[in-house]
């Protein structure tokens, strides 16, 4: 696994933290409580002075700092007794919920109070449990020491209430033998960056003598030699052909890969076939359905589909689809007759690619059926090579596993031959109720593991409403959520779902080896803008090599409407694990049926109870069926359309084309100043070949360039013909601007500093 290809700053920070955490060097002391004093505060009210936070007195309602206003800026600055490497900050709380608790805050750190960097942006839950946050700041793989810590409240849990902090604890090390080398290293880094900013400023403004003198004196390089060569060829010599050759070499050496990896995806949907049940023989492909299950063997590029609900009955057919031959094959019209599972929906499947086995568990039963059928949780395995089903257990509930459940999640850890099952509703018999009362659906199931070689179930976490061991962090069970296993981090990622009337968008991880629960997001409103909407039946996949989680929306709950209702929209989200960042790469909120009728061969219509699987080897998603999400859709409408989705980023060739366009556009602009006839010929041939005519903005810009030659009295926008005429170096400014643009495609650690010297001046 090549982490270095990713190169994001956040990843480098995380890798450094991991290396330091795993270090066995006894010379690095364990973090301890750091001593600090109150240096400054924005305000305080009554007796709620900032010194109150020095003591942890959760039972004392008055032991807190409280601002005298909720109007920004409000802040609290702590001064550490000694310069320290700060590891974490812990917020203590009052013994009860309180409206003045910080719902949103930011933390900064610095060697002086005037110069600080952001360390944390987060919020506290409105409860009595202290919360701990990491604060370590790393530059060039080394932790940075601080003397001052600044906490900036932004929102309280009660609207229009002042901010309160009850207690703060800082953990880290202030050992001089550890901190002093870190401080010297950081100061050297700052001095080096200051010199590089000066070098950049001198070169941009053509102060060549000052640039050469400073570089010779300090022996500090502004950038990688490749970029220095590019600057010489472009800015100093104007050798545009040599510039293009150098850019091509950089592309061949994969120097643009980091830039590409940081671009958001663009989705590309391709229709394999539409809803064609009336025109295609039903024996050739699966029919319309929702609540079915799919899994995929990426090595053989074969997708498997089993069961579902067609709007009137549960199904027991079993299919496979070969990507190579683009053909469905019916493996069984009725798995029950071949010793396999009965007809079902809302079940789950997972595939073990090493042993070539498919496991299936759970199903939904109508309330009337429950009273006449044994509520047993049967557990089956299908052997791909022998085309044979085997009943592992007729009731997992009697062997330490989950009871009969539906709308749960199941995933496979192939390294340890372990299956994880989480959530779902436990089916219960219908009690004696009046006709207008809803039958009981039972309780929620917890988190279980099943070890295949030993045929052993283990309860890892009970539902949070169940009696549990004190001190053990629980996970709120739910239905219609997503759960994925990352084989490299050894974590389960759990997102979304529904619990009663609650539509969830919390994001949780469970470290399977350490038995540890971490909450990445509690689903509160402070995170709602950057997370997929709260809801259920969304479908998620994971790419372990890219460290990405993909989520296709399902049913969501629109809370902003006066009359809340379930709604279905098309959106696709990507969570970048190493960056701890969500990004919405696709959204279509059209609700007009005519629109989707016209687009039925372009992109899938909104839906729920669909299935989505991901081939992580060939980087393709496959979507099949589901319930039509349109509000005007006929009742019990099911879909059988089949789609493939590819998430696309710019390719190296596309980046190369863009660079050529920028270089040739600038070359044309220089020609236009001295030789319009030659410029016109160049425009029609060399420049036109690099234009992306599918890009409206670029095409419009190209046409404006052409028309400018024949309208010399018309002022052309600066960004198109911004050529600064100087006596000695007439094109230095515009060539420098082009150089700065091209540098943006190169890795950060090769480039000149991103900042500017003049921006540091007040």
Foldseek 3Di string as FASTA:
>chain_A
DDPVLQQDPLLLVVVLVVCVVPDPPPVFDFKDWFDKDWDDWPAFDDQQDCRLQADQDQADPSSKTWHPFLDDFTKTKIFTPAWFQWFKKKFAHHQAFDQQAFQWKWKWFAQDPVDTDTQDTGGDDRGRDMDMDTRFDDDPSATATGGMMMMTGNHTNHPGGIHITNYMIIIGDRPCVPHVVRHVVVVVVVVLQLLLQVLVQCQLVVVVVVNVVSCVVVVRDQFFVLLVVLCCVQQVPVPLVVNLVSLVVCLVVVQLSNVLSPDFWAKAKFFLFFQQPPPDPCQFDPHFFFQKEKEAQLVQQKIKIAWGHLLDDIFGWIWIAHPVVRTIHTLDRHVVVQAADGGFGQKYWEAQNVQQKIKIWAGDDDQVVPVVDPQAIWIWMAHPVVRHIDTLDRHVVVQAADTHWGQWYWYAQNVQQKIKIAKGFHADHFDDDDPPDDGDRHHIAGIWMARVVVRHIHGLAGAPVDDDDPPQDHDHGAGQWDWDAQNPQQKIWTAWHDDVPDQAGWIWIARVVVSDIDTLGRRDPVCCVFTPAGHGQWAWDAQNVQQKIKIWDAWHWDPVDPDIDIAFWTWMWMQRRSNRGIDINDTDGDQDPVVCVVCSRGDPATFGSKDWYASNVVQKIKTAKGGHRHPPDDPSDITGIIMIMHTDTDRSVLVSLVLQLLSLLVVLLVCLVPPLVVSLVCLVPVNVVSFDPVDPVSVVLSVLSNVCSVCVVDDDDCVRNVFAQDDPRRRNNVSVVSSVVNQSSGNPNRHRDPDHPCVVPD
